PDB file of N, CA and C in Angstrom:
ATOM      1  N   UNK A   1      61.669  -7.384  20.258  1.00  0.00           N
ATOM      2  CA  UNK A   1      61.682  -7.597  21.727  1.00  0.00           C
ATOM      3  C   UNK A   1      60.178  -7.790  22.396  1.00  0.00           C
ATOM      4  N   UNK A   2      59.451  -6.955  22.018  1.00  0.00           N
ATOM      5  CA  UNK A   2      58.248  -7.440  22.021  1.00  0.00           C
ATOM      6  C   UNK A   2      57.737  -8.902  21.163  1.00  0.00           C
ATOM      7  N   UNK A   3      58.287  -9.476  20.193  1.00  0.00           N
ATOM      8  CA  UNK A   3      57.656 -10.582  19.302  1.00  0.00           C
ATOM      9  C   UNK A   3      58.013 -11.258  20.332  1.00  0.00           C
ATOM     10  N   UNK A   4      59.042 -11.312  20.946  1.00  0.00           N
ATOM     11  CA  UNK A   4      59.396 -12.150  22.422  1.00  0.00           C
ATOM     12  C   UNK A   4      58.671 -12.239  23.244  1.00  0.00           C
ATOM     13  N   UNK A   5      58.170 -11.276  23.582  1.00  0.00           N
ATOM     14  CA  UNK A   5      57.029 -10.850  25.237  1.00  0.00           C
ATOM     15  C   UNK A   5      55.811 -11.208  24.767  1.00  0.00           C
ATOM     16  N   UNK A   6      55.288 -11.842  23.796  1.00  0.00           N
ATOM     17  CA  UNK A   6      53.970 -11.782  23.662  1.00  0.00           C
ATOM     18  C   UNK A   6      53.670 -12.823  23.774  1.00  0.00           C
ATOM     19  N   UNK A   7      53.970 -14.298  23.043  1.00  0.00           N
ATOM     20  CA  UNK A   7      53.768 -15.550  23.861  1.00  0.00           C
ATOM     21  C   UNK A   7      53.822 -15.890  25.422  1.00  0.00           C
ATOM     22  N   UNK A   8      54.841 -14.845  26.057  1.00  0.00           N
ATOM     23  CA  UNK A   8      55.061 -15.193  27.644  1.00  0.00           C
ATOM     24  C   UNK A   8      53.479 -14.523  27.824  1.00  0.00           C
ATOM     25  N   UNK A   9      53.277 -13.336  27.243  1.00  0.00           N
ATOM     26  CA  UNK A   9      52.095 -12.540  28.009  1.00  0.00           C
ATOM     27  C   UNK A   9      51.146 -13.425  27.930  1.00  0.00           C
ATOM     28  N   UNK A  10      50.967 -13.972  26.781  1.00  0.00           N
ATOM     29  CA  UNK A  10      49.556 -15.105  26.479  1.00  0.00           C
ATOM     30  C   UNK A  10      49.796 -16.231  27.289  1.00  0.00           C
ATOM     31  N   UNK A  11      50.766 -16.657  27.542  1.00  0.00           N
ATOM     32  CA  UNK A  11      51.182 -17.801  28.082  1.00  0.00           C
ATOM     33  C   UNK A  11      50.529 -17.366  29.614  1.00  0.00           C
ATOM     34  N   UNK A  12      50.818 -16.496  30.043  1.00  0.00           N
ATOM     35  CA  UNK A  12      50.839 -15.908  31.772  1.00  0.00           C
ATOM     36  C   UNK A  12      49.024 -15.929  31.770  1.00  0.00           C
ATOM     37  N   UNK A  13      48.044 -15.054  30.755  1.00  0.00           N
ATOM     38  CA  UNK A  13      47.107 -15.002  30.551  1.00  0.00           C
ATOM     39  C   UNK A  13      46.049 -16.473  30.640  1.00  0.00           C
ATOM     40  N   UNK A  14      46.936 -17.285  29.850  1.00  0.00           N
ATOM     41  CA  UNK A  14      46.011 -18.424  30.156  1.00  0.00           C
ATOM     42  C   UNK A  14      46.280 -19.032  31.189  1.00  0.00           C
ATOM     43  N   UNK A  15      47.451 -18.980  31.885  1.00  0.00           N
ATOM     44  CA  UNK A  15      48.184 -19.602  32.640  1.00  0.00           C
ATOM     45  C   UNK A  15      46.552 -19.060  34.167  1.00  0.00           C
ATOM     46  N   UNK A  16      46.508 -18.059  34.453  1.00  0.00           N
ATOM     47  CA  UNK A  16      45.411 -16.940  34.970  1.00  0.00           C
ATOM     48  C   UNK A  16      44.214 -17.939  34.938  1.00  0.00           C
ATOM     49  N   UNK A  17      43.571 -18.211  33.591  1.00  0.00           N
ATOM     50  CA  UNK A  17      42.333 -17.669  32.913  1.00  0.00           C
ATOM     51  C   UNK A  17      42.273 -19.731  33.464  1.00  0.00           C
ATOM     52  N   UNK A  18      43.072 -20.894  33.045  1.00  0.00           N
ATOM     53  CA  UNK A  18      43.021 -21.890  33.802  1.00  0.00           C
ATOM     54  C   UNK A  18      42.824 -22.024  35.161  1.00  0.00           C
ATOM     55  N   UNK A  19      43.916 -21.278  36.127  1.00  0.00           N
ATOM     56  CA  UNK A  19      43.823 -21.011  37.330  1.00  0.00           C
ATOM     57  C   UNK A  19      42.465 -20.733  37.872  1.00  0.00           C
ATOM     58  N   UNK A  20      41.603 -19.590  37.543  1.00  0.00           N
ATOM     59  CA  UNK A  20      40.303 -19.380  37.710  1.00  0.00           C
ATOM     60  C   UNK A  20      39.424 -20.337  37.972  1.00  0.00           C
ATOM     61  N   UNK A  21      39.485 -21.350  36.536  1.00  0.00           N
ATOM     62  CA  UNK A  21      38.278 -21.629  36.357  1.00  0.00           C
ATOM     63  C   UNK A  21      38.540 -22.914  36.832  1.00  0.00           C
ATOM     64  N   UNK A  22      39.610 -23.725  37.460  1.00  0.00           N
ATOM     65  CA  UNK A  22      39.532 -24.506  38.050  1.00  0.00           C
ATOM     66  C   UNK A  22      38.956 -24.711  39.864  1.00  0.00           C
ATOM     67  N   UNK A  23      38.447 -23.228  40.504  1.00  0.00           N
ATOM     68  CA  UNK A  23      37.256 -23.070  40.961  1.00  0.00           C
ATOM     69  C   UNK A  23      36.180 -23.605  40.650  1.00  0.00           C
ATOM     70  N   UNK A  24      35.532 -23.594  39.796  1.00  0.00           N
ATOM     71  CA  UNK A  24      34.982 -24.242  39.474  1.00  0.00           C
ATOM     72  C   UNK A  24      34.409 -25.334  39.455  1.00  0.00           C
ATOM     73  N   UNK A  25      35.327 -26.187  39.732  1.00  0.00           N
ATOM     74  CA  UNK A  25      35.289 -27.878  39.844  1.00  0.00           C
ATOM     75  C   UNK A  25      34.954 -28.153  41.090  1.00  0.00           C
ATOM     76  N   UNK A  26      33.940 -29.239  41.418  1.00  0.00           N
ATOM     77  CA  UNK A  26      33.172 -29.853  41.733  1.00  0.00           C
ATOM     78  C   UNK A  26      34.149 -30.320  43.231  1.00  0.00           C
ATOM     79  N   UNK A  27      33.972 -30.500  44.337  1.00  0.00           N
ATOM     80  CA  UNK A  27      34.018 -30.848  46.179  1.00  0.00           C
ATOM     81  C   UNK A  27      32.856 -31.614  45.852  1.00  0.00           C
ATOM     82  N   UNK A  28      33.651 -33.103  46.638  1.00  0.00           N
ATOM     83  CA  UNK A  28      32.212 -33.700  47.715  1.00  0.00           C
ATOM     84  C   UNK A  28      32.184 -33.322  48.698  1.00  0.00           C
ATOM     85  N   UNK A  29      31.192 -32.858  49.318  1.00  0.00           N
ATOM     86  CA  UNK A  29      31.258 -32.628  51.131  1.00  0.00           C
ATOM     87  C   UNK A  29      30.458 -33.880  51.765  1.00  0.00           C
ATOM     88  N   UNK A  30      30.606 -33.821  52.469  1.00  0.00           N
ATOM     89  CA  UNK A  30      29.672 -34.501  53.491  1.00  0.00           C
ATOM     90  C   UNK A  30      28.546 -34.069  55.039  1.00  0.00           C
ATOM     91  N   UNK A  31      29.042 -32.682  55.217  1.00  0.00           N
ATOM     92  CA  UNK A  31      28.409 -32.851  56.315  1.00  0.00           C
ATOM     93  C   UNK A  31      28.828 -30.855  56.617  1.00  0.00           C
ATOM     94  N   UNK A  32      27.761 -29.938  56.891  1.00  0.00           N
ATOM     95  CA  UNK A  32      27.874 -28.984  57.108  1.00  0.00           C
ATOM     96  C   UNK A  32      29.233 -27.938  57.224  1.00  0.00           C
ATOM     97  N   UNK A  33      29.776 -28.693  58.237  1.00  0.00           N
ATOM     98  CA  UNK A  33      31.589 -28.162  58.383  1.00  0.00           C
ATOM     99  C   UNK A  33      31.989 -28.138  57.461  1.00  0.00           C
ATOM    100  N   UNK A  34      31.686 -28.784  56.050  1.00  0.00           N
ATOM    101  CA  UNK A  34      32.684 -28.766  55.399  1.00  0.00           C
ATOM    102  C   UNK A  34      32.363 -28.111  54.144  1.00  0.00           C
ATOM    103  N   UNK A  35      30.483 -27.512  54.176  1.00  0.00           N
ATOM    104  CA  UNK A  35      30.442 -26.426  53.646  1.00  0.00           C
ATOM    105  C   UNK A  35      30.488 -24.993  54.221  1.00  0.00           C
ATOM    106  N   UNK A  36      31.073 -25.400  55.431  1.00  0.00           N
ATOM    107  CA  UNK A  36      31.455 -23.769  55.913  1.00  0.00           C
ATOM    108  C   UNK A  36      32.974 -23.725  55.542  1.00  0.00           C
ATOM    109  N   UNK A  37      33.706 -24.461  55.304  1.00  0.00           N
ATOM    110  CA  UNK A  37      34.782 -23.818  54.790  1.00  0.00           C
ATOM    111  C   UNK A  37      35.358 -24.847  53.856  1.00  0.00           C
ATOM    112  N   UNK A  38      34.459 -24.867  52.251  1.00  0.00           N
ATOM    113  CA  UNK A  38      34.676 -25.257  51.381  1.00  0.00           C
ATOM    114  C   UNK A  38      35.677 -24.337  50.602  1.00  0.00           C
ATOM    115  N   UNK A  39      36.711 -25.516  50.100  1.00  0.00           N
ATOM    116  CA  UNK A  39      37.536 -25.006  49.468  1.00  0.00           C
ATOM    117  C   UNK A  39      37.889 -25.576  48.378  1.00  0.00           C
ATOM    118  N   UNK A  40      38.365 -24.380  47.387  1.00  0.00           N
ATOM    119  CA  UNK A  40      38.427 -25.431  45.109  1.00  0.00           C
ATOM    120  C   UNK A  40      39.539 -24.204  45.044  1.00  0.00           C
ATOM    121  N   UNK A  41      39.845 -25.273  43.781  1.00  0.00           N
ATOM    122  CA  UNK A  41      40.980 -24.584  43.382  1.00  0.00           C
ATOM    123  C   UNK A  41      42.035 -25.999  43.146  1.00  0.00           C
ATOM    124  N   UNK A  42      42.688 -25.811  42.047  1.00  0.00           N
ATOM    125  CA  UNK A  42      43.427 -27.052  41.929  1.00  0.00           C
ATOM    126  C   UNK A  42      45.195 -26.863  40.954  1.00  0.00           C
ATOM    127  N   UNK A  43      46.204 -27.408  41.553  1.00  0.00           N
ATOM    128  CA  UNK A  43      46.306 -28.360  42.145  1.00  0.00           C
ATOM    129  C   UNK A  43      46.425 -27.852  43.708  1.00  0.00           C
ATOM    130  N   UNK A  44      46.375 -26.461  43.676  1.00  0.00           N
ATOM    131  CA  UNK A  44      46.257 -25.843  45.415  1.00  0.00           C
ATOM    132  C   UNK A  44      45.292 -25.295  45.764  1.00  0.00           C
ATOM    133  N   UNK A  45      44.325 -25.264  46.426  1.00  0.00           N
ATOM    134  CA  UNK A  45      43.023 -25.103  46.555  1.00  0.00           C
ATOM    135  C   UNK A  45      43.583 -23.558  47.122  1.00  0.00           C
ATOM    136  N   UNK A  46      43.134 -22.695  46.442  1.00  0.00           N
ATOM    137  CA  UNK A  46      42.976 -20.777  46.168  1.00  0.00           C
ATOM    138  C   UNK A  46      41.435 -20.485  47.295  1.00  0.00           C
ATOM    139  N   UNK A  47      40.435 -20.759  46.843  1.00  0.00           N
ATOM    140  CA  UNK A  47      39.186 -19.832  47.045  1.00  0.00           C
ATOM    141  C   UNK A  47      38.680 -20.883  48.255  1.00  0.00           C
ATOM    142  N   UNK A  48      38.003 -19.859  49.288  1.00  0.00           N
ATOM    143  CA  UNK A  48      37.388 -20.761  49.882  1.00  0.00           C
ATOM    144  C   UNK A  48      35.946 -19.891  50.328  1.00  0.00           C
ATOM    145  N   UNK A  49      34.714 -20.784  50.366  1.00  0.00           N
ATOM    146  CA  UNK A  49      33.402 -20.051  50.576  1.00  0.00           C
ATOM    147  C   UNK A  49      32.774 -20.784  51.422  1.00  0.00           C
ATOM    148  N   UNK A  50      32.061 -19.891  52.184  1.00  0.00           N
ATOM    149  CA  UNK A  50      30.969 -20.275  53.183  1.00  0.00           C
ATOM    150  C   UNK A  50      29.969 -20.496  52.443  1.00  0.00           C
ATOM    151  N   UNK A  51      29.437 -21.715  52.348  1.00  0.00           N
ATOM    152  CA  UNK A  51      27.709 -21.854  51.769  1.00  0.00           C
ATOM    153  C   UNK A  51      27.449 -22.833  53.180  1.00  0.00           C
ATOM    154  N   UNK A  52      27.693 -22.449  54.265  1.00  0.00           N
ATOM    155  CA  UNK A  52      26.727 -23.578  55.493  1.00  0.00           C
ATOM    156  C   UNK A  52      25.225 -22.818  55.611  1.00  0.00           C
ATOM    157  N   UNK A  53      24.907 -21.962  54.731  1.00  0.00           N
ATOM    158  CA  UNK A  53      23.201 -21.925  54.492  1.00  0.00           C
ATOM    159  C   UNK A  53      22.515 -22.559  53.959  1.00  0.00           C
ATOM    160  N   UNK A  54      23.201 -23.577  53.122  1.00  0.00           N
ATOM    161  CA  UNK A  54      22.227 -24.764  52.398  1.00  0.00           C
ATOM    162  C   UNK A  54      22.311 -26.054  52.955  1.00  0.00           C
ATOM    163  N   UNK A  55      21.571 -26.583  52.983  1.00  0.00           N
ATOM    164  CA  UNK A  55      21.272 -27.821  53.620  1.00  0.00           C
ATOM    165  C   UNK A  55      20.821 -29.136  52.752  1.00  0.00           C
ATOM    166  N   UNK A  56      21.699 -29.673  52.260  1.00  0.00           N
ATOM    167  CA  UNK A  56      21.730 -30.395  51.075  1.00  0.00           C
ATOM    168  C   UNK A  56      21.359 -31.823  51.184  1.00  0.00           C
ATOM    169  N   UNK A  57      20.894 -32.769  50.842  1.00  0.00           N
ATOM    170  CA  UNK A  57      20.913 -34.231  51.057  1.00  0.00           C
ATOM    171  C   UNK A  57      22.845 -34.486  50.852  1.00  0.00           C
ATOM    172  N   UNK A  58      23.432 -35.486  51.616  1.00  0.00           N
ATOM    173  CA  UNK A  58      25.056 -35.594  52.067  1.00  0.00           C
ATOM    174  C   UNK A  58      25.166 -36.864  51.359  1.00  0.00           C
ATOM    175  N   UNK A  59      25.932 -37.419  51.056  1.00  0.00           N
ATOM    176  CA  UNK A  59      26.907 -36.567  49.993  1.00  0.00           C
ATOM    177  C   UNK A  59      26.946 -35.601  49.117  1.00  0.00           C
ATOM    178  N   UNK A  60      26.869 -34.648  48.754  1.00  0.00           N
ATOM    179  CA  UNK A  60      26.790 -33.203  48.067  1.00  0.00           C
ATOM    180  C   UNK A  60      27.985 -32.994  47.188  1.00  0.00           C
ATOM    181  N   UNK A  61      28.182 -32.738  45.881  1.00  0.00           N
ATOM    182  CA  UNK A  61      29.026 -31.702  45.268  1.00  0.00           C
ATOM    183  C   UNK A  61      28.826 -30.372  44.946  1.00  0.00           C
ATOM    184  N   UNK A  62      29.901 -29.841  45.680  1.00  0.00           N
ATOM    185  CA  UNK A  62      29.822 -28.033  45.317  1.00  0.00           C
ATOM    186  C   UNK A  62      31.012 -27.510  45.161  1.00  0.00           C
ATOM    187  N   UNK A  63      30.528 -26.093  44.295  1.00  0.00           N
ATOM    188  CA  UNK A  63      32.043 -25.820  44.103  1.00  0.00           C
ATOM    189  C   UNK A  63      31.720 -24.203  44.755  1.00  0.00           C
ATOM    190  N   UNK A  64      33.278 -24.113  44.625  1.00  0.00           N
ATOM    191  CA  UNK A  64      33.468 -22.724  45.283  1.00  0.00           C
ATOM    192  C   UNK A  64      32.440 -20.952  44.393  1.00  0.00           C
ATOM    193  N   UNK A  65      31.625 -21.392  43.353  1.00  0.00           N
ATOM    194  CA  UNK A  65      31.222 -20.772  42.519  1.00  0.00           C
ATOM    195  C   UNK A  65      29.889 -20.961  42.633  1.00  0.00           C
ATOM    196  N   UNK A  66      29.193 -22.034  43.300  1.00  0.00           N
ATOM    197  CA  UNK A  66      28.361 -22.255  43.268  1.00  0.00           C
ATOM    198  C   UNK A  66      27.002 -21.202  44.306  1.00  0.00           C
ATOM    199  N   UNK A  67      27.394 -20.717  45.307  1.00  0.00           N
ATOM    200  CA  UNK A  67      27.090 -20.002  45.788  1.00  0.00           C
ATOM    201  C   UNK A  67      25.696 -18.713  45.254  1.00  0.00           C
ATOM    202  N   UNK A  68      25.541 -17.936  46.457  1.00  0.00           N
ATOM    203  CA  UNK A  68      24.491 -16.772  45.541  1.00  0.00           C
ATOM    204  C   UNK A  68      25.281 -15.259  45.379  1.00  0.00           C
ATOM    205  N   UNK A  69      24.717 -14.542  44.491  1.00  0.00           N
ATOM    206  CA  UNK A  69      25.430 -13.384  44.300  1.00  0.00           C
ATOM    207  C   UNK A  69      25.304 -12.709  45.978  1.00  0.00           C
ATOM    208  N   UNK A  70      26.821 -12.221  46.409  1.00  0.00           N
ATOM    209  CA  UNK A  70      27.137 -11.110  47.865  1.00  0.00           C
ATOM    210  C   UNK A  70      27.713 -12.443  48.565  1.00  0.00           C
ATOM    211  N   UNK A  71      27.616 -14.062  48.417  1.00  0.00           N
ATOM    212  CA  UNK A  71      28.453 -14.988  49.342  1.00  0.00           C
ATOM    213  C   UNK A  71      29.717 -14.431  48.792  1.00  0.00           C
ATOM    214  N   UNK A  72      30.578 -14.634  50.472  1.00  0.00           N
ATOM    215  CA  UNK A  72      31.549 -14.496  50.433  1.00  0.00           C
ATOM    216  C   UNK A  72      32.772 -15.643  50.046  1.00  0.00           C
ATOM    217  N   UNK A  73      33.588 -14.645  48.895  1.00  0.00           N
ATOM    218  CA  UNK A  73      34.521 -15.847  48.549  1.00  0.00           C
ATOM    219  C   UNK A  73      36.219 -15.655  49.088  1.00  0.00           C
ATOM    220  N   UNK A  74      36.717 -16.166  49.618  1.00  0.00           N
ATOM    221  CA  UNK A  74      38.048 -15.623  50.217  1.00  0.00           C
ATOM    222  C   UNK A  74      38.733 -16.071  48.835  1.00  0.00           C
ATOM    223  N   UNK A  75      39.557 -15.410  48.674  1.00  0.00           N
ATOM    224  CA  UNK A  75      41.312 -15.742  47.850  1.00  0.00           C
ATOM    225  C   UNK A  75      41.967 -15.391  48.374  1.00  0.00           C
ATOM    226  N   UNK A  76      42.992 -16.710  48.144  1.00  0.00           N
ATOM    227  CA  UNK A  76      44.114 -17.392  49.366  1.00  0.00           C
ATOM    228  C   UNK A  76      45.192 -16.973  48.401  1.00  0.00           C
ATOM    229  N   UNK A  77      45.920 -15.685  48.263  1.00  0.00           N
ATOM    230  CA  UNK A  77      46.557 -15.094  47.260  1.00  0.00           C
ATOM    231  C   UNK A  77      48.272 -15.494  47.032  1.00  0.00           C
ATOM    232  N   UNK A  78      48.436 -16.394  47.964  1.00  0.00           N
ATOM    233  CA  UNK A  78      49.752 -17.035  47.618  1.00  0.00           C
ATOM    234  C   UNK A  78      50.190 -18.204  46.550  1.00  0.00           C
ATOM    235  N   UNK A  79      48.806 -19.357  47.151  1.00  0.00           N
ATOM    236  CA  UNK A  79      48.481 -20.299  46.725  1.00  0.00           C
ATOM    237  C   UNK A  79      48.072 -20.521  44.885  1.00  0.00           C
ATOM    238  N   UNK A  80      47.222 -19.294  45.231  1.00  0.00           N
ATOM    239  CA  UNK A  80      46.545 -18.744  43.154  1.00  0.00           C
ATOM    240  C   UNK A  80      47.804 -18.228  42.495  1.00  0.00           C
ATOM    241  N   UNK A  81      48.762 -18.144  43.334  1.00  0.00           N
ATOM    242  CA  UNK A  81      50.032 -17.622  42.253  1.00  0.00           C
ATOM    243  C   UNK A  81      51.375 -18.577  42.206  1.00  0.00           C
ATOM    244  N   UNK A  82      50.658 -19.373  43.278  1.00  0.00           N
ATOM    245  CA  UNK A  82      51.761 -20.698  43.054  1.00  0.00           C
ATOM    246  C   UNK A  82      51.450 -21.112  41.799  1.00  0.00           C
ATOM    247  N   UNK A  83      49.708 -21.318  41.274  1.00  0.00           N
ATOM    248  CA  UNK A  83      49.602 -22.225  40.550  1.00  0.00           C
ATOM    249  C   UNK A  83      49.250 -21.807  39.829  1.00  0.00           C
ATOM    250  N   UNK A  84      49.167 -20.148  39.008  1.00  0.00           N
ATOM    251  CA  UNK A  84      49.333 -19.907  37.935  1.00  0.00           C
ATOM    252  C   UNK A  84      50.752 -19.869  37.680  1.00  0.00           C
ATOM    253  N   UNK A  85      52.048 -19.748  38.370  1.00  0.00           N
ATOM    254  CA  UNK A  85      53.223 -20.013  38.057  1.00  0.00           C
ATOM    255  C   UNK A  85      53.607 -21.225  37.896  1.00  0.00           C
ATOM    256  N   UNK A  86      53.441 -22.385  38.124  1.00  0.00           N
ATOM    257  CA  UNK A  86      52.860 -23.768  38.102  1.00  0.00           C
ATOM    258  C   UNK A  86      52.333 -23.627  36.317  1.00  0.00           C
ATOM    259  N   UNK A  87      51.151 -23.376  35.946  1.00  0.00           N
ATOM    260  CA  UNK A  87      50.546 -23.686  34.416  1.00  0.00           C
ATOM    261  C   UNK A  87      51.101 -23.001  33.589  1.00  0.00           C
ATOM    262  N   UNK A  88      52.230 -21.757  34.167  1.00  0.00           N
ATOM    263  CA  UNK A  88      52.557 -20.893  32.965  1.00  0.00           C
ATOM    264  C   UNK A  88      54.087 -21.702  32.530  1.00  0.00           C
ATOM    265  N   UNK A  89      54.863 -22.566  33.955  1.00  0.00           N
ATOM    266  CA  UNK A  89      55.484 -23.539  33.243  1.00  0.00           C
ATOM    267  C   UNK A  89      55.379 -24.578  32.617  1.00  0.00           C
ATOM    268  N   UNK A  90      54.272 -25.030  33.160  1.00  0.00           N
ATOM    269  CA  UNK A  90      53.654 -25.762  32.513  1.00  0.00           C
ATOM    270  C   UNK A  90      53.801 -25.655  30.774  1.00  0.00           C
ATOM    271  N   UNK A  91      52.831 -24.401  30.675  1.00  0.00           N
ATOM    272  CA  UNK A  91      52.836 -23.594  29.189  1.00  0.00           C
ATOM    273  C   UNK A  91      54.029 -23.280  28.661  1.00  0.00           C
ATOM    274  N   UNK A  92      55.065 -22.916  29.055  1.00  0.00           N
ATOM    275  CA  UNK A  92      56.176 -22.488  28.504  1.00  0.00           C
ATOM    276  C   UNK A  92      56.976 -23.953  27.845  1.00  0.00           C
ATOM    277  N   UNK A  93      56.990 -24.555  28.539  1.00  0.00           N
ATOM    278  CA  UNK A  93      57.184 -26.406  28.340  1.00  0.00           C
ATOM    279  C   UNK A  93      56.808 -26.669  27.394  1.00  0.00           C
ATOM    280  N   UNK A  94      55.903 -26.402  26.841  1.00  0.00           N
ATOM    281  CA  UNK A  94      54.758 -27.075  26.132  1.00  0.00           C
ATOM    282  C   UNK A  94      55.304 -26.222  24.310  1.00  0.00           C
ATOM    283  N   UNK A  95      55.006 -25.003  24.627  1.00  0.00           N
ATOM    284  CA  UNK A  95      55.103 -24.360  24.167  1.00  0.00           C
ATOM    285  C   UNK A  95      56.984 -24.326  23.518  1.00  0.00           C
ATOM    286  N   UNK A  96      57.825 -24.678  24.230  1.00  0.00           N
ATOM    287  CA  UNK A  96      59.417 -25.144  23.847  1.00  0.00           C
ATOM    288  C   UNK A  96      59.641 -26.131  23.135  1.00  0.00           C
ATOM    289  N   UNK A  97      58.505 -27.261  23.676  1.00  0.00           N
ATOM    290  CA  UNK A  97      58.722 -28.284  23.271  1.00  0.00           C
ATOM    291  C   UNK A  97      58.336 -28.176  21.759  1.00  0.00           C
ATOM    292  N   UNK A  98      57.245 -27.786  21.240  1.00  0.00           N
ATOM    293  CA  UNK A  98      56.232 -27.556  20.291  1.00  0.00           C
ATOM    294  C   UNK A  98      57.372 -26.924  18.959  1.00  0.00           C
ATOM    295  N   UNK A  99      58.033 -25.763  19.460  1.00  0.00           N
ATOM    296  CA  UNK A  99      59.209 -25.019  18.597  1.00  0.00           C
ATOM    297  C   UNK A  99      60.319 -26.121  18.463  1.00  0.00           C
ATOM    298  N   UNK A 100      60.355 -26.896  19.207  1.00  0.00           N
ATOM    299  CA  UNK A 100      61.679 -27.649  19.359  1.00  0.00           C
ATOM    300  C   UNK A 100      61.139 -29.007  18.084  1.00  0.00           C
ATOM    301  N   UNK A 101      60.035 -29.124  18.024  1.00  0.00           N
ATOM    302  CA  UNK A 101      59.850 -30.133  16.790  1.00  0.00           C
ATOM    303  C   UNK A 101      59.597 -29.527  15.593  1.00  0.00           C
ATOM    304  N   UNK A 102      58.851 -28.223  15.748  1.00  0.00           N
ATOM    305  CA  UNK A 102      58.746 -27.753  13.959  1.00  0.00           C
ATOM    306  C   UNK A 102      59.987 -27.191  13.704  1.00  0.00           C
ATOM    307  N   UNK A 103      60.960 -26.775  14.618  1.00  0.00           N
ATOM    308  CA  UNK A 103      62.300 -26.366  14.146  1.00  0.00           C
ATOM    309  C   UNK A 103      63.177 -27.642  13.575  1.00  0.00           C
ATOM    310  N   UNK A 104      62.722 -29.150  14.413  1.00  0.00           N
ATOM    311  CA  UNK A 104      63.403 -30.585  13.641  1.00  0.00           C
ATOM    312  C   UNK A 104      62.748 -30.894  12.294  1.00  0.00           C
ATOM    313  N   UNK A 105      61.568 -30.667  12.399  1.00  0.00           N
ATOM    314  CA  UNK A 105      60.525 -30.977  10.793  1.00  0.00           C
ATOM    315  C   UNK A 105      61.076 -30.404   9.795  1.00  0.00           C
ATOM    316  N   UNK A 106      61.240 -28.651  10.284  1.00  0.00           N
ATOM    317  CA  UNK A 106      62.077 -27.918   9.106  1.00  0.00           C
ATOM    318  C   UNK A 106      63.102 -28.412   8.557  1.00  0.00           C
ATOM    319  N   UNK A 107      64.074 -28.840   9.919  1.00  0.00           N
ATOM    320  CA  UNK A 107      65.585 -29.270   9.284  1.00  0.00           C
ATOM    321  C   UNK A 107      65.544 -30.428   8.410  1.00  0.00           C
ATOM    322  N   UNK A 108      64.392 -31.063   8.832  1.00  0.00           N
ATOM    323  CA  UNK A 108      64.378 -32.379   8.079  1.00  0.00           C
ATOM    324  C   UNK A 108      64.241 -32.057   6.370  1.00  0.00           C
ATOM    325  N   UNK A 109      63.657 -31.264   6.505  1.00  0.00           N
ATOM    326  CA  UNK A 109      62.772 -30.883   5.108  1.00  0.00           C
ATOM    327  C   UNK A 109      63.577 -30.518   4.318  1.00  0.00           C
ATOM    328  N   UNK A 110      64.677 -29.702   4.594  1.00  0.00           N
ATOM    329  CA  UNK A 110      65.710 -28.964   4.522  1.00  0.00           C
ATOM    330  C   UNK A 110      66.803 -29.945   3.650  1.00  0.00           C
ATOM    331  N   UNK A 111      67.037 -30.620   4.723  1.00  0.00           N
ATOM    332  CA  UNK A 111      68.292 -31.918   4.605  1.00  0.00           C
ATOM    333  C   UNK A 111      67.564 -32.685   3.622  1.00  0.00           C
ATOM    334  N   UNK A 112      66.811 -33.499   3.543  1.00  0.00           N
ATOM    335  CA  UNK A 112      65.897 -34.562   2.720  1.00  0.00           C
ATOM    336  C   UNK A 112      65.644 -33.629   1.224  1.00  0.00           C
ATOM    337  N   UNK A 113      65.751 -32.414   0.840  1.00  0.00           N
ATOM    338  CA  UNK A 113      65.872 -31.785  -0.116  1.00  0.00           C
ATOM    339  C   UNK A 113      67.659 -31.724  -0.853  1.00  0.00           C
ATOM    340  N   UNK A 114      68.093 -31.535  -0.443  1.00  0.00           N
ATOM    341  CA  UNK A 114      69.781 -31.296  -1.132  1.00  0.00           C
ATOM    342  C   UNK A 114      70.347 -32.408  -1.420  1.00  0.00           C
TER     343      UNK A 114
END
């Protein structure tokens, strides 16, 4: 049982890590209003940051994680969970495809030896 659960726990942790790192992706902003509600994350934006204190030349590329220590970052939990689920499903599909190919290659070797 634990042997079957371990790959799923690994894929879930990997999906959470990938989802969290997408908040570091840079977004182009073109005004102070864009900086006031900077949204990051992929495929659904799940992190919102207020970086209106900046005065950069526009257009400017910013990330929700570019702020100073103490800058508030709001995480939108439903979008975060949907992103994690999407990356988890993708990971399970890739893992299942890999296992099917490995199984087929193993069967081919055995059939070729007979």
